[in-house]
């Protein structure tokens, strides 16, 4: 992480609003809250913020499939230093197929239920298994099932 001057993580919602997301990215990078009268002023400020800086930007849970939305969003980022990275997580493969930058590097596969259960017990109880907490195992199994069913429709 020392390799990057700016590190930003932005979580999307299912409604893609280029202005709101661009403003969120800018404010996270600049560490200021600022009002902009229009989209062009925001993009100019954003471009100035990243100019010749190396950054990593995580765009988490992107739902848009529009390449035009994507071009609008990342336009100001082209002023950055070499070796900057944009990492996109999405359940929508259509946009990734259209990107010419580095299309579809990694596609995650479903985590096995037993592995998901192991993560739950480690984070909830700080131990490796439910042997000493058998009464909680059923609850954890239902949580895992609900989460896995939600994310892997």
N, C-alpha and C. Protein backbone atom coordinates (compact mmCIF):
# COMPACT_ATOMS: atom_id res chain seq x y z
N UNK A 1 0.82 -1.20 0.00
CA UNK A 1 0.00 0.00 0.00
C UNK A 1 0.86 1.27 0.00
N UNK A 2 2.12 1.16 0.41
CA UNK A 2 3.00 2.32 0.39
C UNK A 2 3.31 2.76 -1.04
N UNK A 3 3.05 1.89 -2.00
CA UNK A 3 3.30 2.16 -3.42
C UNK A 3 2.39 3.26 -3.95
N UNK A 4 1.22 3.47 -3.31
CA UNK A 4 0.21 4.40 -3.82
C UNK A 4 0.12 5.63 -2.93
N UNK A 5 0.02 6.80 -3.58
CA UNK A 5 -0.16 8.05 -2.84
C UNK A 5 -1.60 8.19 -2.34
N UNK A 6 -2.53 7.73 -3.15
CA UNK A 6 -3.95 7.83 -2.81
C UNK A 6 -4.56 6.44 -2.81
N UNK A 7 -5.37 6.16 -1.80
CA UNK A 7 -6.05 4.87 -1.70
C UNK A 7 -7.52 5.14 -1.39
N UNK A 8 -8.40 4.69 -2.29
CA UNK A 8 -9.82 5.01 -2.14
C UNK A 8 -10.65 3.77 -2.42
N UNK A 9 -11.69 3.60 -1.62
CA UNK A 9 -12.66 2.51 -1.78
C UNK A 9 -14.04 3.15 -1.85
N UNK A 10 -14.76 2.93 -2.95
CA UNK A 10 -16.10 3.49 -3.09
C UNK A 10 -17.06 2.34 -3.36
N UNK A 11 -18.09 2.26 -2.55
CA UNK A 11 -19.11 1.23 -2.71
C UNK A 11 -20.29 1.82 -3.48
N UNK A 12 -20.72 1.13 -4.51
CA UNK A 12 -21.80 1.60 -5.36
C UNK A 12 -23.13 1.12 -4.82
N UNK A 13 -24.19 1.71 -5.34
CA UNK A 13 -25.53 1.19 -5.10
C UNK A 13 -26.06 0.73 -6.46
N UNK A 14 -27.25 0.18 -6.47
CA UNK A 14 -27.78 -0.29 -7.74
C UNK A 14 -28.19 0.85 -8.67
N UNK A 15 -28.26 2.08 -8.17
CA UNK A 15 -28.55 3.22 -9.03
C UNK A 15 -27.23 3.90 -9.38
N UNK A 16 -26.91 3.97 -10.66
CA UNK A 16 -25.66 4.58 -11.09
C UNK A 16 -25.88 6.06 -11.34
N UNK A 17 -25.22 6.88 -10.54
CA UNK A 17 -25.30 8.34 -10.67
C UNK A 17 -23.87 8.84 -10.83
N UNK A 18 -23.48 9.15 -12.05
CA UNK A 18 -22.09 9.53 -12.35
C UNK A 18 -21.63 10.72 -11.51
N UNK A 19 -22.48 11.73 -11.36
CA UNK A 19 -22.08 12.91 -10.59
C UNK A 19 -21.83 12.56 -9.14
N UNK A 20 -22.76 11.83 -8.52
CA UNK A 20 -22.62 11.47 -7.10
C UNK A 20 -21.37 10.61 -6.87
N UNK A 21 -21.16 9.63 -7.73
CA UNK A 21 -20.02 8.73 -7.56
C UNK A 21 -18.72 9.46 -7.81
N UNK A 22 -18.66 10.30 -8.84
CA UNK A 22 -17.47 11.09 -9.13
C UNK A 22 -17.14 11.99 -7.95
N UNK A 23 -18.17 12.60 -7.38
CA UNK A 23 -17.97 13.48 -6.22
C UNK A 23 -17.45 12.68 -5.02
N UNK A 24 -18.00 11.50 -4.81
CA UNK A 24 -17.54 10.64 -3.72
C UNK A 24 -16.06 10.26 -3.88
N UNK A 25 -15.69 9.89 -5.10
CA UNK A 25 -14.30 9.53 -5.37
C UNK A 25 -13.40 10.74 -5.15
N UNK A 26 -13.79 11.89 -5.70
CA UNK A 26 -12.99 13.11 -5.53
C UNK A 26 -12.80 13.44 -4.05
N UNK A 27 -13.91 13.45 -3.30
CA UNK A 27 -13.84 13.82 -1.88
C UNK A 27 -12.98 12.84 -1.09
N UNK A 28 -13.05 11.57 -1.43
CA UNK A 28 -12.22 10.58 -0.73
C UNK A 28 -10.74 10.79 -1.06
N UNK A 29 -10.44 11.12 -2.29
CA UNK A 29 -9.04 11.35 -2.68
C UNK A 29 -8.51 12.66 -2.12
N UNK A 30 -9.33 13.71 -2.19
CA UNK A 30 -8.89 15.04 -1.75
C UNK A 30 -9.05 15.24 -0.24
N UNK A 31 -9.84 14.37 0.39
CA UNK A 31 -10.14 14.46 1.81
C UNK A 31 -10.78 15.80 2.18
N UNK A 32 -11.70 16.25 1.30
CA UNK A 32 -12.46 17.47 1.53
C UNK A 32 -13.88 17.26 1.03
N UNK A 33 -14.82 18.02 1.61
CA UNK A 33 -16.18 18.08 1.09
C UNK A 33 -16.29 19.39 0.32
N UNK A 34 -16.71 19.30 -0.92
CA UNK A 34 -16.78 20.49 -1.74
C UNK A 34 -18.01 20.40 -2.64
N UNK A 35 -18.67 21.53 -2.81
CA UNK A 35 -19.83 21.59 -3.70
C UNK A 35 -19.36 22.04 -5.08
N UNK A 36 -19.95 21.45 -6.10
CA UNK A 36 -19.62 21.80 -7.47
C UNK A 36 -20.89 22.22 -8.18
N UNK A 37 -20.78 23.31 -8.96
CA UNK A 37 -21.95 23.82 -9.67
C UNK A 37 -22.32 22.94 -10.85
N UNK A 38 -21.34 22.26 -11.43
CA UNK A 38 -21.66 21.40 -12.56
C UNK A 38 -20.64 20.27 -12.66
N UNK A 39 -20.97 19.34 -13.53
CA UNK A 39 -20.16 18.13 -13.72
C UNK A 39 -18.77 18.45 -14.25
N UNK A 40 -18.66 19.43 -15.15
CA UNK A 40 -17.36 19.78 -15.72
C UNK A 40 -16.39 20.31 -14.66
N UNK A 41 -16.88 21.15 -13.76
CA UNK A 41 -16.02 21.67 -12.69
C UNK A 41 -15.56 20.54 -11.77
N UNK A 42 -16.45 19.61 -11.49
CA UNK A 42 -16.08 18.45 -10.68
C UNK A 42 -14.98 17.65 -11.37
N UNK A 43 -15.14 17.39 -12.67
CA UNK A 43 -14.15 16.61 -13.40
C UNK A 43 -12.80 17.32 -13.48
N UNK A 44 -12.81 18.63 -13.63
CA UNK A 44 -11.55 19.38 -13.65
C UNK A 44 -10.84 19.27 -12.31
N UNK A 45 -11.58 19.42 -11.22
CA UNK A 45 -10.99 19.29 -9.89
C UNK A 45 -10.48 17.88 -9.66
N UNK A 46 -11.23 16.91 -10.13
CA UNK A 46 -10.85 15.51 -9.98
C UNK A 46 -9.56 15.22 -10.77
N UNK A 47 -9.50 15.71 -11.98
CA UNK A 47 -8.31 15.53 -12.82
C UNK A 47 -7.09 16.18 -12.15
N UNK A 48 -7.27 17.38 -11.59
CA UNK A 48 -6.16 18.05 -10.90
C UNK A 48 -5.72 17.27 -9.67
N UNK A 49 -6.68 16.66 -8.99
CA UNK A 49 -6.36 15.89 -7.78
C UNK A 49 -5.49 14.67 -8.08
N UNK A 50 -5.72 13.99 -9.19
CA UNK A 50 -4.98 12.76 -9.49
C UNK A 50 -3.78 12.99 -10.41
N UNK A 51 -3.64 14.21 -10.93
CA UNK A 51 -2.56 14.48 -11.88
C UNK A 51 -1.20 14.04 -11.34
N UNK A 52 -0.59 13.13 -12.08
CA UNK A 52 0.76 12.61 -11.79
C UNK A 52 0.86 11.93 -10.42
N UNK A 53 -0.25 11.48 -9.88
CA UNK A 53 -0.22 10.74 -8.62
C UNK A 53 -0.57 9.28 -8.90
N UNK A 54 0.05 8.40 -8.16
CA UNK A 54 -0.23 6.97 -8.29
C UNK A 54 -1.29 6.62 -7.24
N UNK A 55 -2.37 6.00 -7.69
CA UNK A 55 -3.45 5.68 -6.77
C UNK A 55 -3.96 4.27 -7.01
N UNK A 56 -4.66 3.76 -6.00
CA UNK A 56 -5.45 2.56 -6.15
C UNK A 56 -6.88 2.94 -5.79
N UNK A 57 -7.80 2.60 -6.67
CA UNK A 57 -9.20 2.93 -6.49
C UNK A 57 -10.01 1.64 -6.62
N UNK A 58 -10.74 1.29 -5.56
CA UNK A 58 -11.61 0.13 -5.59
C UNK A 58 -13.03 0.63 -5.79
N UNK A 59 -13.63 0.17 -6.88
CA UNK A 59 -15.04 0.47 -7.16
C UNK A 59 -15.80 -0.81 -6.87
N UNK A 60 -16.45 -0.83 -5.72
CA UNK A 60 -17.03 -2.05 -5.19
C UNK A 60 -18.52 -2.15 -5.54
N UNK A 61 -18.91 -3.30 -6.09
CA UNK A 61 -20.29 -3.65 -6.38
C UNK A 61 -20.91 -2.74 -7.45
N UNK A 62 -20.21 -2.59 -8.57
CA UNK A 62 -20.67 -1.78 -9.69
C UNK A 62 -21.81 -2.52 -10.39
N UNK A 63 -22.93 -1.84 -10.58
CA UNK A 63 -24.10 -2.47 -11.20
C UNK A 63 -24.34 -2.00 -12.62
N UNK A 64 -23.74 -0.91 -13.04
CA UNK A 64 -24.00 -0.42 -14.39
C UNK A 64 -23.40 -1.35 -15.43
N UNK A 65 -24.06 -1.45 -16.55
CA UNK A 65 -23.52 -2.22 -17.67
C UNK A 65 -23.23 -1.30 -18.85
N UNK A 66 -23.33 0.01 -18.60
CA UNK A 66 -23.15 1.00 -19.66
C UNK A 66 -21.69 1.41 -19.78
N UNK A 67 -21.13 1.18 -20.94
CA UNK A 67 -19.76 1.59 -21.20
C UNK A 67 -19.65 3.12 -21.19
N UNK A 68 -20.69 3.82 -21.64
CA UNK A 68 -20.69 5.29 -21.63
C UNK A 68 -20.62 5.82 -20.20
N UNK A 69 -21.38 5.22 -19.28
CA UNK A 69 -21.30 5.61 -17.86
C UNK A 69 -19.88 5.43 -17.35
N UNK A 70 -19.27 4.31 -17.71
CA UNK A 70 -17.91 4.00 -17.27
C UNK A 70 -16.93 5.05 -17.79
N UNK A 71 -17.00 5.38 -19.08
CA UNK A 71 -16.09 6.37 -19.67
C UNK A 71 -16.23 7.72 -18.96
N UNK A 72 -17.45 8.11 -18.67
CA UNK A 72 -17.69 9.37 -17.97
C UNK A 72 -17.06 9.35 -16.59
N UNK A 73 -17.23 8.25 -15.90
CA UNK A 73 -16.72 8.13 -14.53
C UNK A 73 -15.20 8.18 -14.46
N UNK A 74 -14.52 7.45 -15.33
CA UNK A 74 -13.07 7.32 -15.22
C UNK A 74 -12.31 8.35 -16.05
N UNK A 75 -13.00 9.17 -16.81
CA UNK A 75 -12.34 10.16 -17.65
C UNK A 75 -11.25 10.96 -16.93
N UNK A 76 -11.55 11.57 -15.78
CA UNK A 76 -10.54 12.37 -15.09
C UNK A 76 -9.35 11.56 -14.58
N UNK A 77 -9.52 10.27 -14.43
CA UNK A 77 -8.45 9.44 -13.86
C UNK A 77 -7.29 9.22 -14.81
N UNK A 78 -7.48 9.54 -16.09
CA UNK A 78 -6.41 9.32 -17.07
C UNK A 78 -5.22 10.25 -16.86
N UNK A 79 -5.36 11.27 -16.02
CA UNK A 79 -4.25 12.19 -15.74
C UNK A 79 -3.29 11.63 -14.70
N UNK A 80 -3.55 10.44 -14.21
CA UNK A 80 -2.78 9.87 -13.11
C UNK A 80 -1.39 9.41 -13.54
N UNK A 81 -0.59 9.06 -12.55
CA UNK A 81 0.74 8.51 -12.80
C UNK A 81 0.62 7.06 -13.26
N UNK A 82 1.64 6.60 -14.01
CA UNK A 82 1.66 5.18 -14.39
C UNK A 82 1.61 4.29 -13.15
N UNK A 83 1.13 3.10 -13.33
CA UNK A 83 1.01 2.09 -12.28
C UNK A 83 -0.14 2.34 -11.31
N UNK A 84 -1.00 3.30 -11.61
CA UNK A 84 -2.23 3.46 -10.84
C UNK A 84 -3.14 2.29 -11.18
N UNK A 85 -4.01 1.93 -10.25
CA UNK A 85 -4.87 0.77 -10.45
C UNK A 85 -6.32 1.12 -10.11
N UNK A 86 -7.23 0.61 -10.93
CA UNK A 86 -8.66 0.66 -10.63
C UNK A 86 -9.12 -0.78 -10.56
N UNK A 87 -9.66 -1.15 -9.41
CA UNK A 87 -10.15 -2.51 -9.19
C UNK A 87 -11.66 -2.44 -9.12
N UNK A 88 -12.33 -3.26 -9.93
CA UNK A 88 -13.78 -3.24 -10.01
C UNK A 88 -14.32 -4.58 -9.53
N UNK A 89 -15.28 -4.52 -8.61
CA UNK A 89 -16.03 -5.74 -8.27
C UNK A 89 -17.44 -5.54 -8.78
N UNK A 90 -17.99 -6.59 -9.38
CA UNK A 90 -19.32 -6.50 -9.96
C UNK A 90 -19.90 -7.88 -10.14
N UNK A 91 -21.21 -7.93 -10.20
CA UNK A 91 -21.90 -9.15 -10.59
C UNK A 91 -22.36 -9.06 -12.03
N UNK A 92 -22.10 -7.93 -12.66
CA UNK A 92 -22.52 -7.66 -14.03
C UNK A 92 -21.31 -7.80 -14.95
N UNK A 93 -21.26 -8.85 -15.71
CA UNK A 93 -20.10 -9.16 -16.54
C UNK A 93 -20.10 -8.34 -17.84
N UNK A 94 -21.26 -7.85 -18.27
CA UNK A 94 -21.35 -7.15 -19.55
C UNK A 94 -20.38 -5.96 -19.64
N UNK A 95 -20.30 -5.13 -18.60
CA UNK A 95 -19.38 -4.00 -18.62
C UNK A 95 -17.94 -4.47 -18.73
N UNK A 96 -17.59 -5.48 -17.96
CA UNK A 96 -16.22 -5.97 -17.97
C UNK A 96 -15.81 -6.47 -19.35
N UNK A 97 -16.74 -7.06 -20.05
CA UNK A 97 -16.43 -7.55 -21.40
C UNK A 97 -16.14 -6.41 -22.36
N UNK A 98 -16.70 -5.23 -22.10
CA UNK A 98 -16.50 -4.07 -22.96
C UNK A 98 -15.21 -3.31 -22.67
N UNK A 99 -14.67 -3.47 -21.48
CA UNK A 99 -13.49 -2.72 -21.10
C UNK A 99 -12.27 -3.20 -21.87
N UNK A 100 -11.51 -2.27 -22.36
CA UNK A 100 -10.30 -2.64 -23.11
C UNK A 100 -9.06 -2.53 -22.23
N UNK A 101 -9.19 -1.99 -21.04
CA UNK A 101 -8.04 -1.77 -20.18
C UNK A 101 -7.41 -3.08 -19.73
N UNK A 102 -8.16 -3.91 -19.07
CA UNK A 102 -7.66 -5.18 -18.58
C UNK A 102 -8.87 -6.06 -18.28
N UNK A 103 -9.55 -6.52 -19.30
CA UNK A 103 -10.86 -7.13 -19.08
C UNK A 103 -10.83 -8.43 -18.29
N UNK A 104 -11.71 -8.48 -17.34
CA UNK A 104 -12.03 -9.68 -16.58
C UNK A 104 -10.81 -10.49 -16.15
N UNK A 105 -9.98 -9.87 -15.31
CA UNK A 105 -8.80 -10.58 -14.80
C UNK A 105 -9.18 -11.77 -13.95
N UNK A 106 -10.00 -11.55 -12.98
CA UNK A 106 -10.33 -12.59 -12.01
C UNK A 106 -11.84 -12.65 -11.84
N UNK A 107 -12.36 -13.82 -11.95
CA UNK A 107 -13.77 -14.01 -11.65
C UNK A 107 -13.85 -14.95 -10.46
N UNK A 108 -14.45 -14.45 -9.38
CA UNK A 108 -14.53 -15.24 -8.18
C UNK A 108 -15.60 -16.32 -8.32
N UNK A 109 -15.33 -17.44 -7.73
CA UNK A 109 -16.29 -18.53 -7.72
C UNK A 109 -16.88 -18.65 -6.33
N UNK A 110 -17.98 -19.31 -6.25
CA UNK A 110 -18.70 -19.47 -4.99
C UNK A 110 -17.81 -20.14 -3.95
N UNK A 111 -17.84 -19.58 -2.76
CA UNK A 111 -17.13 -20.15 -1.63
C UNK A 111 -17.92 -21.35 -1.13
N UNK A 112 -17.23 -22.44 -0.85
CA UNK A 112 -17.90 -23.62 -0.31
C UNK A 112 -18.51 -23.28 1.04
N UNK A 113 -19.67 -23.88 1.34
CA UNK A 113 -20.36 -23.60 2.60
C UNK A 113 -19.47 -23.87 3.80
N UNK A 114 -18.69 -24.92 3.76
CA UNK A 114 -17.83 -25.26 4.90
C UNK A 114 -16.75 -24.20 5.12
N UNK A 115 -16.26 -23.63 4.02
CA UNK A 115 -15.27 -22.55 4.12
C UNK A 115 -15.90 -21.27 4.64
N UNK A 116 -17.12 -20.97 4.18
CA UNK A 116 -17.84 -19.80 4.67
C UNK A 116 -18.14 -19.95 6.16
N UNK A 117 -18.52 -21.15 6.58
CA UNK A 117 -18.79 -21.42 7.99
C UNK A 117 -17.51 -21.22 8.82
N UNK A 118 -16.40 -21.65 8.28
CA UNK A 118 -15.12 -21.46 8.96
C UNK A 118 -14.81 -19.97 9.16
N UNK A 119 -15.10 -19.16 8.14
CA UNK A 119 -14.89 -17.71 8.27
C UNK A 119 -15.79 -17.11 9.35
N UNK A 120 -17.03 -17.57 9.40
CA UNK A 120 -17.97 -17.06 10.40
C UNK A 120 -17.46 -17.36 11.81
N UNK A 121 -17.07 -18.60 12.06
CA UNK A 121 -16.63 -18.96 13.41
C UNK A 121 -15.33 -18.23 13.79
N UNK A 122 -14.45 -18.04 12.82
CA UNK A 122 -13.20 -17.32 13.12
C UNK A 122 -13.46 -15.87 13.47
N UNK A 123 -14.36 -15.22 12.72
CA UNK A 123 -14.62 -13.80 12.98
C UNK A 123 -15.56 -13.57 14.15
N UNK A 124 -16.51 -14.48 14.34
CA UNK A 124 -17.48 -14.30 15.42
C UNK A 124 -16.92 -14.71 16.78
N UNK A 125 -16.18 -15.81 16.78
CA UNK A 125 -15.74 -16.36 18.07
C UNK A 125 -14.23 -16.40 18.25
N UNK A 126 -13.50 -16.15 17.16
CA UNK A 126 -12.04 -16.15 17.27
C UNK A 126 -11.44 -17.54 17.44
N UNK A 127 -12.18 -18.57 17.01
CA UNK A 127 -11.70 -19.95 17.13
C UNK A 127 -11.85 -20.64 15.77
N UNK A 128 -11.39 -21.88 15.67
CA UNK A 128 -11.36 -22.56 14.37
C UNK A 128 -12.59 -23.40 14.05
N UNK A 129 -13.41 -23.75 15.06
CA UNK A 129 -14.58 -24.57 14.78
C UNK A 129 -15.62 -24.37 15.89
N UNK A 130 -16.77 -24.97 15.71
CA UNK A 130 -17.88 -24.83 16.65
C UNK A 130 -17.90 -25.92 17.72
N UNK A 131 -16.85 -26.74 17.85
CA UNK A 131 -16.86 -27.86 18.78
C UNK A 131 -17.25 -27.46 20.20
N UNK A 132 -16.79 -26.32 20.64
CA UNK A 132 -17.10 -25.89 22.01
C UNK A 132 -18.34 -24.99 22.08
N UNK A 133 -18.98 -24.76 20.94
CA UNK A 133 -20.18 -23.91 20.88
C UNK A 133 -21.21 -24.52 19.92
N UNK A 134 -21.54 -25.76 20.14
CA UNK A 134 -22.44 -26.47 19.22
C UNK A 134 -23.80 -25.81 19.08
N UNK A 135 -24.27 -25.15 20.14
CA UNK A 135 -25.58 -24.49 20.09
C UNK A 135 -25.60 -23.35 19.07
N UNK A 136 -24.45 -22.79 18.77
CA UNK A 136 -24.38 -21.67 17.83
C UNK A 136 -24.21 -22.11 16.38
N UNK A 137 -23.83 -23.35 16.17
CA UNK A 137 -23.51 -23.82 14.83
C UNK A 137 -24.70 -23.72 13.88
N UNK A 138 -25.88 -24.08 14.33
CA UNK A 138 -27.08 -24.01 13.49
C UNK A 138 -27.38 -22.58 13.04
N UNK A 139 -27.21 -21.62 13.94
CA UNK A 139 -27.41 -20.22 13.59
C UNK A 139 -26.42 -19.80 12.51
N UNK A 140 -25.18 -20.17 12.70
CA UNK A 140 -24.13 -19.82 11.73
C UNK A 140 -24.41 -20.45 10.36
N UNK A 141 -24.89 -21.69 10.37
CA UNK A 141 -25.21 -22.36 9.10
C UNK A 141 -26.33 -21.63 8.36
N UNK A 142 -27.33 -21.15 9.10
CA UNK A 142 -28.42 -20.40 8.46
C UNK A 142 -27.91 -19.05 7.92
N UNK A 143 -27.03 -18.40 8.66
CA UNK A 143 -26.44 -17.14 8.19
C UNK A 143 -25.68 -17.38 6.89
N UNK A 144 -24.85 -18.41 6.87
CA UNK A 144 -24.07 -18.72 5.67
C UNK A 144 -25.01 -19.01 4.50
N UNK A 145 -26.05 -19.79 4.72
CA UNK A 145 -26.97 -20.13 3.63
C UNK A 145 -27.65 -18.87 3.09
N UNK A 146 -28.10 -17.99 3.99
CA UNK A 146 -28.76 -16.76 3.55
C UNK A 146 -27.82 -15.85 2.77
N UNK A 147 -26.61 -15.70 3.25
CA UNK A 147 -25.63 -14.84 2.58
C UNK A 147 -25.26 -15.42 1.22
N UNK A 148 -24.97 -16.70 1.18
CA UNK A 148 -24.57 -17.34 -0.08
C UNK A 148 -25.72 -17.28 -1.08
N UNK A 149 -26.95 -17.55 -0.64
CA UNK A 149 -28.10 -17.48 -1.54
C UNK A 149 -28.30 -16.06 -2.07
N UNK A 150 -28.04 -15.04 -1.24
CA UNK A 150 -28.21 -13.66 -1.66
C UNK A 150 -27.17 -13.27 -2.71
N UNK A 151 -25.92 -13.61 -2.46
CA UNK A 151 -24.84 -13.14 -3.35
C UNK A 151 -24.62 -14.00 -4.58
N UNK A 152 -25.11 -15.21 -4.59
CA UNK A 152 -24.84 -16.09 -5.73
C UNK A 152 -26.14 -16.56 -6.38
N UNK A 153 -27.01 -15.63 -6.65
CA UNK A 153 -28.28 -15.97 -7.30
C UNK A 153 -28.07 -16.60 -8.64
